[in-house]
Amino acid sequence: MSTVTWYKPSDALSAPLPQIYGAAENGVPFVMIRELAHGTQWRVSLFPDGDRDASIEARAGSERQAKRMVERWAACRRIEPKPMDRTRRVTPQGLPPRKPKGAEDRS
């Protein structure tokens, strides 16, 4: 049903980025894979609706296995992610402002 187009890792500040993004047919990225720090596993983050805050996480043993897992997952689903809404404002948490420490509060 859906196919995945893998983007090559781009260079930012002359250093390659560790994550690899995959996009659906409409060109919107819906998956990110990256190697974990110890170098023996890969992390897969799927966000099929386009919201990166609500992602599905998994681990794989290699980059090839991670890509294959995502491609098989997408093959039986119709994925149409929406572009991220960059105009969304962060709502205040309702916490009181921090008081600056005075001379008597310092240790």
PDB file of N, CA and C in Angstrom:
ATOM      1  N   MET A   1       0.818  -1.183   0.000  1.00  0.00           N
ATOM      2  CA  MET A   1       0.000   0.000   0.000  1.00  0.00           C
ATOM      3  C   MET A   1       0.867   1.254   0.000  1.00  0.00           C
ATOM      4  N   SER A   2       1.722   1.427   0.991  1.00  0.00           N
ATOM      5  CA  SER A   2       2.597   2.586   1.045  1.00  0.00           C
ATOM      6  C   SER A   2       4.037   2.154   0.838  1.00  0.00           C
ATOM      7  N   THR A   3       4.797   3.006   0.176  1.00  0.00           N
ATOM      8  CA  THR A   3       6.219   2.748  -0.004  1.00  0.00           C
ATOM      9  C   THR A   3       7.011   3.812   0.750  1.00  0.00           C
ATOM     10  N   VAL A   4       8.234   3.466   1.095  1.00  0.00           N
ATOM     11  CA  VAL A   4       9.088   4.365   1.863  1.00  0.00           C
ATOM     12  C   VAL A   4      10.212   4.860   0.967  1.00  0.00           C
ATOM     13  N   THR A   5      10.422   6.171   0.960  1.00  0.00           N
ATOM     14  CA  THR A   5      11.543   6.779   0.261  1.00  0.00           C
ATOM     15  C   THR A   5      12.557   7.200   1.308  1.00  0.00           C
ATOM     16  N   TRP A   6      13.759   6.632   1.260  1.00  0.00           N
ATOM     17  CA  TRP A   6      14.778   6.924   2.268  1.00  0.00           C
ATOM     18  C   TRP A   6      15.611   8.105   1.820  1.00  0.00           C
ATOM     19  N   TYR A   7      15.800   9.061   2.720  1.00  0.00           N
ATOM     20  CA  TYR A   7      16.654  10.213   2.461  1.00  0.00           C
ATOM     21  C   TYR A   7      18.054   9.926   2.974  1.00  0.00           C
ATOM     22  N   LYS A   8      19.056  10.371   2.256  1.00  0.00           N
ATOM     23  CA  LYS A   8      20.429  10.220   2.709  1.00  0.00           C
ATOM     24  C   LYS A   8      20.677  11.166   3.875  1.00  0.00           C
ATOM     25  N   PRO A   9      21.528  10.773   4.831  1.00  0.00           N
ATOM     26  CA  PRO A   9      21.839  11.696   5.930  1.00  0.00           C
ATOM     27  C   PRO A   9      22.506  12.948   5.377  1.00  0.00           C
ATOM     28  N   SER A  10      22.006  14.100   5.788  1.00  0.00           N
ATOM     29  CA  SER A  10      22.556  15.348   5.279  1.00  0.00           C
ATOM     30  C   SER A  10      23.690  15.823   6.185  1.00  0.00           C
ATOM     31  N   ASP A  11      24.450  16.770   5.690  1.00  0.00           N
ATOM     32  CA  ASP A  11      25.549  17.337   6.461  1.00  0.00           C
ATOM     33  C   ASP A  11      25.114  18.672   7.053  1.00  0.00           C
ATOM     34  N   ALA A  12      25.318  18.807   8.347  1.00  0.00           N
ATOM     35  CA  ALA A  12      25.046  20.069   9.031  1.00  0.00           C
ATOM     36  C   ALA A  12      26.330  20.502   9.709  1.00  0.00           C
ATOM     37  N   LEU A  13      26.792  21.674   9.383  1.00  0.00           N
ATOM     38  CA  LEU A  13      28.046  22.196   9.925  1.00  0.00           C
ATOM     39  C   LEU A  13      29.205  21.257   9.611  1.00  0.00           C
ATOM     40  N   SER A  14      29.215  20.741   8.404  1.00  0.00           N
ATOM     41  CA  SER A  14      30.251  19.857   7.857  1.00  0.00           C
ATOM     42  C   SER A  14      30.402  18.536   8.616  1.00  0.00           C
ATOM     43  N   ALA A  15      29.409  18.134   9.377  1.00  0.00           N
ATOM     44  CA  ALA A  15      29.418  16.840  10.054  1.00  0.00           C
ATOM     45  C   ALA A  15      28.149  16.090   9.664  1.00  0.00           C
ATOM     46  N   PRO A  16      28.254  14.812   9.333  1.00  0.00           N
ATOM     47  CA  PRO A  16      27.048  14.067   8.936  1.00  0.00           C
ATOM     48  C   PRO A  16      26.110  13.859  10.126  1.00  0.00           C
ATOM     49  N   LEU A  17      24.828  13.996   9.862  1.00  0.00           N
ATOM     50  CA  LEU A  17      23.826  13.758  10.893  1.00  0.00           C
ATOM     51  C   LEU A  17      23.627  12.256  11.061  1.00  0.00           C
ATOM     52  N   PRO A  18      23.430  11.784  12.276  1.00  0.00           N
ATOM     53  CA  PRO A  18      23.342  10.334  12.479  1.00  0.00           C
ATOM     54  C   PRO A  18      22.007   9.731  12.082  1.00  0.00           C
ATOM     55  N   GLN A  19      20.949  10.529  11.969  1.00  0.00           N
ATOM     56  CA  GLN A  19      19.638   9.949  11.694  1.00  0.00           C
ATOM     57  C   GLN A  19      19.345   9.892  10.201  1.00  0.00           C
ATOM     58  N   ILE A  20      18.571   8.878   9.827  1.00  0.00           N
ATOM     59  CA  ILE A  20      18.131   8.681   8.454  1.00  0.00           C
ATOM     60  C   ILE A  20      16.613   8.770   8.463  1.00  0.00           C
ATOM     61  N   TYR A  21      16.048   9.624   7.606  1.00  0.00           N
ATOM     62  CA  TYR A  21      14.601   9.812   7.551  1.00  0.00           C
ATOM     63  C   TYR A  21      14.018   9.072   6.364  1.00  0.00           C
ATOM     64  N   GLY A  22      12.777   8.597   6.544  1.00  0.00           N
ATOM     65  CA  GLY A  22      12.026   7.965   5.481  1.00  0.00           C
ATOM     66  C   GLY A  22      10.715   8.697   5.293  1.00  0.00           C
ATOM     67  N   ALA A  23      10.302   8.881   4.035  1.00  0.00           N
ATOM     68  CA  ALA A  23       9.101   9.637   3.733  1.00  0.00           C
ATOM     69  C   ALA A  23       8.084   8.770   3.006  1.00  0.00           C
ATOM     70  N   ALA A  24       6.832   9.170   3.115  1.00  0.00           N
ATOM     71  CA  ALA A  24       5.740   8.491   2.420  1.00  0.00           C
ATOM     72  C   ALA A  24       5.646   9.029   0.989  1.00  0.00           C
ATOM     73  N   GLU A  25       4.605   8.625   0.267  1.00  0.00           N
ATOM     74  CA  GLU A  25       4.443   9.049  -1.119  1.00  0.00           C
ATOM     75  C   GLU A  25       4.260  10.553  -1.265  1.00  0.00           C
ATOM     76  N   ASN A  26       3.684  11.207  -0.246  1.00  0.00           N
ATOM     77  CA  ASN A  26       3.470  12.651  -0.339  1.00  0.00           C
ATOM     78  C   ASN A  26       4.712  13.455   0.043  1.00  0.00           C
ATOM     79  N   GLY A  27       5.826  12.797   0.375  1.00  0.00           N
ATOM     80  CA  GLY A  27       7.081  13.483   0.650  1.00  0.00           C
ATOM     81  C   GLY A  27       7.276  13.929   2.086  1.00  0.00           C
ATOM     82  N   VAL A  28       6.317  13.652   2.962  1.00  0.00           N
ATOM     83  CA  VAL A  28       6.420  14.048   4.363  1.00  0.00           C
ATOM     84  C   VAL A  28       7.099  12.928   5.146  1.00  0.00           C
ATOM     85  N   PRO A  29       8.171  13.232   5.884  1.00  0.00           N
ATOM     86  CA  PRO A  29       8.841  12.186   6.660  1.00  0.00           C
ATOM     87  C   PRO A  29       7.925  11.612   7.744  1.00  0.00           C
ATOM     88  N   PHE A  30       7.972  10.291   7.908  1.00  0.00           N
ATOM     89  CA  PHE A  30       7.166   9.642   8.936  1.00  0.00           C
ATOM     90  C   PHE A  30       7.969   8.638   9.757  1.00  0.00           C
ATOM     91  N   VAL A  31       9.254   8.477   9.454  1.00  0.00           N
ATOM     92  CA  VAL A  31      10.092   7.544  10.197  1.00  0.00           C
ATOM     93  C   VAL A  31      11.510   8.096  10.292  1.00  0.00           C
ATOM     94  N   MET A  32      12.154   7.804  11.428  1.00  0.00           N
ATOM     95  CA  MET A  32      13.544   8.177  11.632  1.00  0.00           C
ATOM     96  C   MET A  32      14.261   6.983  12.239  1.00  0.00           C
ATOM     97  N   ILE A  33      15.420   6.629  11.688  1.00  0.00           N
ATOM     98  CA  ILE A  33      16.233   5.581  12.300  1.00  0.00           C
ATOM     99  C   ILE A  33      17.600   6.168  12.593  1.00  0.00           C
ATOM    100  N   ARG A  34      18.202   5.707  13.681  1.00  0.00           N
ATOM    101  CA  ARG A  34      19.543   6.153  14.041  1.00  0.00           C
ATOM    102  C   ARG A  34      20.226   5.088  14.864  1.00  0.00           C
ATOM    103  N   GLU A  35      21.551   5.082  14.795  1.00  0.00           N
ATOM    104  CA  GLU A  35      22.332   4.113  15.538  1.00  0.00           C
ATOM    105  C   GLU A  35      22.427   4.549  16.993  1.00  0.00           C
ATOM    106  N   LEU A  36      22.298   3.588  17.903  1.00  0.00           N
ATOM    107  CA  LEU A  36      22.430   3.897  19.321  1.00  0.00           C
ATOM    108  C   LEU A  36      23.897   4.103  19.679  1.00  0.00           C
ATOM    109  N   ALA A  37      24.150   4.668  20.843  1.00  0.00           N
ATOM    110  CA  ALA A  37      25.494   5.081  21.228  1.00  0.00           C
ATOM    111  C   ALA A  37      26.476   3.926  21.308  1.00  0.00           C
ATOM    112  N   HIS A  38      26.032   2.768  21.753  1.00  0.00           N
ATOM    113  CA  HIS A  38      26.974   1.656  21.895  1.00  0.00           C
ATOM    114  C   HIS A  38      27.258   0.957  20.576  1.00  0.00           C
ATOM    115  N   GLY A  39      26.550   1.308  19.518  1.00  0.00           N
ATOM    116  CA  GLY A  39      26.880   0.843  18.178  1.00  0.00           C
ATOM    117  C   GLY A  39      26.424  -0.543  17.796  1.00  0.00           C
ATOM    118  N   THR A  40      25.650  -1.214  18.641  1.00  0.00           N
ATOM    119  CA  THR A  40      25.206  -2.567  18.303  1.00  0.00           C
ATOM    120  C   THR A  40      23.727  -2.638  17.944  1.00  0.00           C
ATOM    121  N   GLN A  41      22.982  -1.564  18.147  1.00  0.00           N
ATOM    122  CA  GLN A  41      21.551  -1.559  17.826  1.00  0.00           C
ATOM    123  C   GLN A  41      21.168  -0.246  17.165  1.00  0.00           C
ATOM    124  N   TRP A  42      20.018  -0.283  16.495  1.00  0.00           N
ATOM    125  CA  TRP A  42      19.458   0.900  15.838  1.00  0.00           C
ATOM    126  C   TRP A  42      18.097   1.181  16.441  1.00  0.00           C
ATOM    127  N   ARG A  43      17.753   2.449  16.550  1.00  0.00           N
ATOM    128  CA  ARG A  43      16.468   2.887  17.094  1.00  0.00           C
ATOM    129  C   ARG A  43      15.577   3.315  15.942  1.00  0.00           C
ATOM    130  N   VAL A  44      14.350   2.834  15.952  1.00  0.00           N
ATOM    131  CA  VAL A  44      13.359   3.167  14.931  1.00  0.00           C
ATOM    132  C   VAL A  44      12.261   3.983  15.590  1.00  0.00           C
ATOM    133  N   SER A  45      11.966   5.155  15.037  1.00  0.00           N
ATOM    134  CA  SER A  45      10.886   6.012  15.537  1.00  0.00           C
ATOM    135  C   SER A  45       9.903   6.245  14.394  1.00  0.00           C
ATOM    136  N   LEU A  46       8.702   5.693  14.542  1.00  0.00           N
ATOM    137  CA  LEU A  46       7.641   5.862  13.546  1.00  0.00           C
ATOM    138  C   LEU A  46       6.639   6.886  14.054  1.00  0.00           C
ATOM    139  N   PHE A  47       6.289   7.841  13.205  1.00  0.00           N
ATOM    140  CA  PHE A  47       5.213   8.768  13.538  1.00  0.00           C
ATOM    141  C   PHE A  47       4.299   8.855  12.322  1.00  0.00           C
ATOM    142  N   PRO A  48       3.372   7.867  12.194  1.00  0.00           N
ATOM    143  CA  PRO A  48       2.563   7.745  10.982  1.00  0.00           C
ATOM    144  C   PRO A  48       1.604   8.897  10.736  1.00  0.00           C
ATOM    145  N   ASP A  49       1.192   9.632  11.780  1.00  0.00           N
ATOM    146  CA  ASP A  49       0.292  10.760  11.551  1.00  0.00           C
ATOM    147  C   ASP A  49       1.040  12.075  11.408  1.00  0.00           C
ATOM    148  N   GLY A  50       2.374  12.046  11.470  1.00  0.00           N
ATOM    149  CA  GLY A  50       3.173  13.252  11.301  1.00  0.00           C
ATOM    150  C   GLY A  50       3.550  13.948  12.588  1.00  0.00           C
ATOM    151  N   ASP A  51       2.967  13.539  13.714  1.00  0.00           N
ATOM    152  CA  ASP A  51       3.259  14.160  15.003  1.00  0.00           C
ATOM    153  C   ASP A  51       4.406  13.409  15.669  1.00  0.00           C
ATOM    154  N   ARG A  52       5.543  14.064  15.820  1.00  0.00           N
ATOM    155  CA  ARG A  52       6.719  13.389  16.384  1.00  0.00           C
ATOM    156  C   ARG A  52       6.605  13.165  17.878  1.00  0.00           C
ATOM    157  N   ASP A  53       5.660  13.825  18.534  1.00  0.00           N
ATOM    158  CA  ASP A  53       5.464  13.610  19.963  1.00  0.00           C
ATOM    159  C   ASP A  53       4.751  12.286  20.242  1.00  0.00           C
ATOM    160  N   ALA A  54       4.004  11.783  19.276  1.00  0.00           N
ATOM    161  CA  ALA A  54       3.278  10.518  19.434  1.00  0.00           C
ATOM    162  C   ALA A  54       3.897   9.490  18.489  1.00  0.00           C
ATOM    163  N   SER A  55       5.051   8.977  18.870  1.00  0.00           N
ATOM    164  CA  SER A  55       5.758   8.058  17.978  1.00  0.00           C
ATOM    165  C   SER A  55       5.715   6.633  18.511  1.00  0.00           C
ATOM    166  N   ILE A  56       5.944   5.694  17.615  1.00  0.00           N
ATOM    167  CA  ILE A  56       6.055   4.282  17.945  1.00  0.00           C
ATOM    168  C   ILE A  56       7.537   3.954  17.898  1.00  0.00           C
ATOM    169  N   GLU A  57       8.067   3.414  18.969  1.00  0.00           N
ATOM    170  CA  GLU A  57       9.504   3.154  19.070  1.00  0.00           C
ATOM    171  C   GLU A  57       9.789   1.653  18.963  1.00  0.00           C
ATOM    172  N   ALA A  58      10.920   1.317  18.365  1.00  0.00           N
ATOM    173  CA  ALA A  58      11.377  -0.068  18.270  1.00  0.00           C
ATOM    174  C   ALA A  58      12.897  -0.066  18.149  1.00  0.00           C
ATOM    175  N   ARG A  59      13.494  -1.237  18.303  1.00  0.00           N
ATOM    176  CA  ARG A  59      14.936  -1.391  18.137  1.00  0.00           C
ATOM    177  C   ARG A  59      15.204  -2.487  17.134  1.00  0.00           C
ATOM    178  N   ALA A  60      16.314  -2.333  16.426  1.00  0.00           N
ATOM    179  CA  ALA A  60      16.715  -3.329  15.436  1.00  0.00           C
ATOM    180  C   ALA A  60      18.209  -3.581  15.578  1.00  0.00           C
ATOM    181  N   GLY A  61      18.673  -4.686  15.031  1.00  0.00           N
ATOM    182  CA  GLY A  61      20.071  -5.067  15.164  1.00  0.00           C
ATOM    183  C   GLY A  61      20.991  -4.389  14.180  1.00  0.00           C
ATOM    184  N   SER A  62      20.471  -3.934  13.044  1.00  0.00           N
ATOM    185  CA  SER A  62      21.302  -3.290  12.039  1.00  0.00           C
ATOM    186  C   SER A  62      20.461  -2.280  11.263  1.00  0.00           C
ATOM    187  N   GLU A  63      21.145  -1.462  10.466  1.00  0.00           N
ATOM    188  CA  GLU A  63      20.435  -0.478   9.644  1.00  0.00           C
ATOM    189  C   GLU A  63      19.547  -1.174   8.621  1.00  0.00           C
ATOM    190  N   ARG A  64      20.058  -2.222   8.023  1.00  0.00           N
ATOM    191  CA  ARG A  64      19.284  -2.959   7.028  1.00  0.00           C
ATOM    192  C   ARG A  64      18.032  -3.575   7.638  1.00  0.00           C
ATOM    193  N   GLN A  65      18.167  -4.130   8.837  1.00  0.00           N
ATOM    194  CA  GLN A  65      17.030  -4.732   9.514  1.00  0.00           C
ATOM    195  C   GLN A  65      15.999  -3.667   9.888  1.00  0.00           C
ATOM    196  N   ALA A  66      16.455  -2.495  10.321  1.00  0.00           N
ATOM    197  CA  ALA A  66      15.536  -1.415  10.678  1.00  0.00           C
ATOM    198  C   ALA A  66      14.754  -0.931   9.461  1.00  0.00           C
ATOM    199  N   LYS A  67      15.444  -0.739   8.349  1.00  0.00           N
ATOM    200  CA  LYS A  67      14.761  -0.300   7.122  1.00  0.00           C
ATOM    201  C   LYS A  67      13.783  -1.355   6.636  1.00  0.00           C
ATOM    202  N   ARG A  68      14.180  -2.608   6.698  1.00  0.00           N
ATOM    203  CA  ARG A  68      13.293  -3.700   6.257  1.00  0.00           C
ATOM    204  C   ARG A  68      12.043  -3.770   7.130  1.00  0.00           C
ATOM    205  N   MET A  69      12.229  -3.585   8.436  1.00  0.00           N
ATOM    206  CA  MET A  69      11.096  -3.621   9.356  1.00  0.00           C
ATOM    207  C   MET A  69      10.095  -2.504   9.033  1.00  0.00           C
ATOM    208  N   VAL A  70      10.604  -1.312   8.758  1.00  0.00           N
ATOM    209  CA  VAL A  70       9.729  -0.183   8.432  1.00  0.00           C
ATOM    210  C   VAL A  70       9.041  -0.407   7.091  1.00  0.00           C
ATOM    211  N   GLU A  71       9.770  -0.897   6.103  1.00  0.00           N
ATOM    212  CA  GLU A  71       9.175  -1.126   4.792  1.00  0.00           C
ATOM    213  C   GLU A  71       8.084  -2.190   4.843  1.00  0.00           C
ATOM    214  N   ARG A  72       8.292  -3.240   5.628  1.00  0.00           N
ATOM    215  CA  ARG A  72       7.250  -4.267   5.774  1.00  0.00           C
ATOM    216  C   ARG A  72       6.054  -3.733   6.547  1.00  0.00           C
ATOM    217  N   TRP A  73       6.299  -2.872   7.549  1.00  0.00           N
ATOM    218  CA  TRP A  73       5.211  -2.271   8.315  1.00  0.00           C
ATOM    219  C   TRP A  73       4.374  -1.362   7.425  1.00  0.00           C
ATOM    220  N   ALA A  74       5.045  -0.586   6.574  1.00  0.00           N
ATOM    221  CA  ALA A  74       4.330   0.355   5.705  1.00  0.00           C
ATOM    222  C   ALA A  74       3.657  -0.331   4.528  1.00  0.00           C
ATOM    223  N   ALA A  75       4.123  -1.521   4.165  1.00  0.00           N
ATOM    224  CA  ALA A  75       3.573  -2.201   2.990  1.00  0.00           C
ATOM    225  C   ALA A  75       2.109  -2.582   3.162  1.00  0.00           C
ATOM    226  N   CYS A  76       1.667  -2.815   4.390  1.00  0.00           N
ATOM    227  CA  CYS A  76       0.276  -3.230   4.597  1.00  0.00           C
ATOM    228  C   CYS A  76      -0.575  -2.109   5.191  1.00  0.00           C
ATOM    229  N   ARG A  77      -0.090  -0.872   5.136  1.00  0.00           N
ATOM    230  CA  ARG A  77      -0.840   0.263   5.675  1.00  0.00           C
ATOM    231  C   ARG A  77      -0.866   1.414   4.673  1.00  0.00           C
ATOM    232  N   ARG A  78      -1.885   2.226   4.783  1.00  0.00           N
ATOM    233  CA  ARG A  78      -1.995   3.441   3.974  1.00  0.00           C
ATOM    234  C   ARG A  78      -1.530   4.597   4.855  1.00  0.00           C
ATOM    235  N   ILE A  79      -0.341   5.114   4.599  1.00  0.00           N
ATOM    236  CA  ILE A  79       0.242   6.152   5.438  1.00  0.00           C
ATOM    237  C   ILE A  79       0.174   7.486   4.709  1.00  0.00           C
ATOM    238  N   GLU A  80      -0.470   8.449   5.323  1.00  0.00           N
ATOM    239  CA  GLU A  80      -0.579   9.794   4.769  1.00  0.00           C
ATOM    240  C   GLU A  80      -0.284  10.803   5.874  1.00  0.00           C
ATOM    241  N   PRO A  81       0.979  10.983   6.234  1.00  0.00           N
ATOM    242  CA  PRO A  81       1.289  11.929   7.310  1.00  0.00           C
ATOM    243  C   PRO A  81       1.068  13.365   6.860  1.00  0.00           C
ATOM    244  N   LYS A  82       0.681  14.192   7.829  1.00  0.00           N
ATOM    245  CA  LYS A  82       0.494  15.614   7.556  1.00  0.00           C
ATOM    246  C   LYS A  82       1.795  16.338   7.893  1.00  0.00           C
ATOM    247  N   PRO A  83       2.099  17.413   7.177  1.00  0.00           N
ATOM    248  CA  PRO A  83       3.293  18.187   7.542  1.00  0.00           C
ATOM    249  C   PRO A  83       3.153  18.744   8.948  1.00  0.00           C
ATOM    250  N   MET A  84       4.293  18.878   9.638  1.00  0.00           N
ATOM    251  CA  MET A  84       4.267  19.405  10.997  1.00  0.00           C
ATOM    252  C   MET A  84       3.769  20.835  11.009  1.00  0.00           C
ATOM    253  N   ASP A  85       2.934  21.147  11.985  1.00  0.00           N
ATOM    254  CA  ASP A  85       2.426  22.498  12.146  1.00  0.00           C
ATOM    255  C   ASP A  85       3.458  23.303  12.932  1.00  0.00           C
ATOM    256  N   ARG A  86       4.200  24.135  12.244  1.00  0.00           N
ATOM    257  CA  ARG A  86       5.258  24.907  12.896  1.00  0.00           C
ATOM    258  C   ARG A  86       4.720  26.150  13.589  1.00  0.00           C
ATOM    259  N   THR A  87       3.437  26.480  13.381  1.00  0.00           N
ATOM    260  CA  THR A  87       2.863  27.660  14.016  1.00  0.00           C
ATOM    261  C   THR A  87       2.241  27.337  15.368  1.00  0.00           C
ATOM    262  N   ARG A  88       2.259  26.070  15.762  1.00  0.00           N
ATOM    263  CA  ARG A  88       1.659  25.665  17.026  1.00  0.00           C
ATOM    264  C   ARG A  88       2.427  26.289  18.181  1.00  0.00           C
ATOM    265  N   ARG A  89       1.708  26.932  19.072  1.00  0.00           N
ATOM    266  CA  ARG A  89       2.335  27.580  20.213  1.00  0.00           C
ATOM    267  C   ARG A  89       2.363  26.639  21.402  1.00  0.00           C
ATOM    268  N   VAL A  90       3.381  26.787  22.196  1.00  0.00           N
ATOM    269  CA  VAL A  90       3.499  25.996  23.409  1.00  0.00           C
ATOM    270  C   VAL A  90       2.624  26.639  24.472  1.00  0.00           C
ATOM    271  N   THR A  91       1.785  25.829  25.094  1.00  0.00           N
ATOM    272  CA  THR A  91       0.915  26.359  26.129  1.00  0.00           C
ATOM    273  C   THR A  91       1.670  26.423  27.449  1.00  0.00           C
ATOM    274  N   PRO A  92       1.463  27.483  28.219  1.00  0.00           N
ATOM    275  CA  PRO A  92       2.168  27.563  29.504  1.00  0.00           C
ATOM    276  C   PRO A  92       1.674  26.482  30.450  1.00  0.00           C
ATOM    277  N   GLN A  93       2.558  25.967  31.253  1.00  0.00           N
ATOM    278  CA  GLN A  93       2.230  24.879  32.159  1.00  0.00           C
ATOM    279  C   GLN A  93       1.481  25.355  33.393  1.00  0.00           C
ATOM    280  N   GLY A  94       1.441  26.629  33.655  1.00  0.00           N
ATOM    281  CA  GLY A  94       0.748  27.130  34.823  1.00  0.00           C
ATOM    282  C   GLY A  94       1.604  27.129  36.069  1.00  0.00           C
ATOM    283  N   LEU A  95       2.897  26.989  35.921  1.00  0.00           N
ATOM    284  CA  LEU A  95       3.780  27.012  37.070  1.00  0.00           C
ATOM    285  C   LEU A  95       4.075  28.455  37.472  1.00  0.00           C
ATOM    286  N   PRO A  96       4.227  28.701  38.759  1.00  0.00           N
ATOM    287  CA  PRO A  96       4.551  30.064  39.173  1.00  0.00           C
ATOM    288  C   PRO A  96       5.975  30.412  38.740  1.00  0.00           C
ATOM    289  N   PRO A  97       6.247  31.696  38.529  1.00  0.00           N
ATOM    290  CA  PRO A  97       7.610  32.063  38.125  1.00  0.00           C
ATOM    291  C   PRO A  97       8.602  31.796  39.252  1.00  0.00           C
ATOM    292  N   ARG A  98       9.822  31.516  38.880  1.00  0.00           N
ATOM    293  CA  ARG A  98      10.854  31.251  39.874  1.00  0.00           C
ATOM    294  C   ARG A  98      11.243  32.544  40.562  1.00  0.00           C
ATOM    295  N   LYS A  99      11.464  32.445  41.854  1.00  0.00           N
ATOM    296  CA  LYS A  99      11.916  33.599  42.612  1.00  0.00           C
ATOM    297  C   LYS A  99      13.443  33.633  42.587  1.00  0.00           C
ATOM    298  N   PRO A 100      14.021  34.799  42.396  1.00  0.00           N
ATOM    299  CA  PRO A 100      15.478  34.840  42.464  1.00  0.00           C
ATOM    300  C   PRO A 100      15.949  34.633  43.899  1.00  0.00           C
ATOM    301  N   LYS A 101      17.065  33.946  44.018  1.00  0.00           N
ATOM    302  CA  LYS A 101      17.583  33.679  45.367  1.00  0.00           C
ATOM    303  C   LYS A 101      18.236  34.940  45.928  1.00  0.00           C
ATOM    304  N   GLY A 102      17.944  35.177  47.146  1.00  0.00           N
ATOM    305  CA  GLY A 102      18.573  36.302  47.823  1.00  0.00           C
ATOM    306  C   GLY A 102      19.833  35.861  48.558  1.00  0.00           C
ATOM    307  N   ALA A 103      20.443  36.805  49.247  1.00  0.00           N
ATOM    308  CA  ALA A 103      21.689  36.499  49.963  1.00  0.00           C
ATOM    309  C   ALA A 103      21.436  35.515  51.103  1.00  0.00           C
ATOM    310  N   GLU A 104      20.244  35.556  51.721  1.00  0.00           N
ATOM    311  CA  GLU A 104      19.961  34.648  52.839  1.00  0.00           C
ATOM    312  C   GLU A 104      19.654  33.228  52.377  1.00  0.00           C
ATOM    313  N   ASP A 105      19.299  33.049  51.115  1.00  0.00           N
ATOM    314  CA  ASP A 105      18.976  31.713  50.620  1.00  0.00           C
ATOM    315  C   ASP A 105      20.198  30.950  50.120  1.00  0.00           C
ATOM    316  N   ARG A 106      21.291  31.626  49.963  1.00  0.00           N
ATOM    317  CA  ARG A 106      22.482  30.956  49.409  1.00  0.00           C
ATOM    318  C   ARG A 106      23.211  30.180  50.471  1.00  0.00           C
ATOM    319  N   SER A 107      23.804  29.106  50.050  1.00  0.00           N
ATOM    320  CA  SER A 107      24.541  28.300  51.028  1.00  0.00           C
ATOM    321  C   SER A 107      26.035  28.593  50.964  1.00  0.00           C
TER     322      SER A 107
END
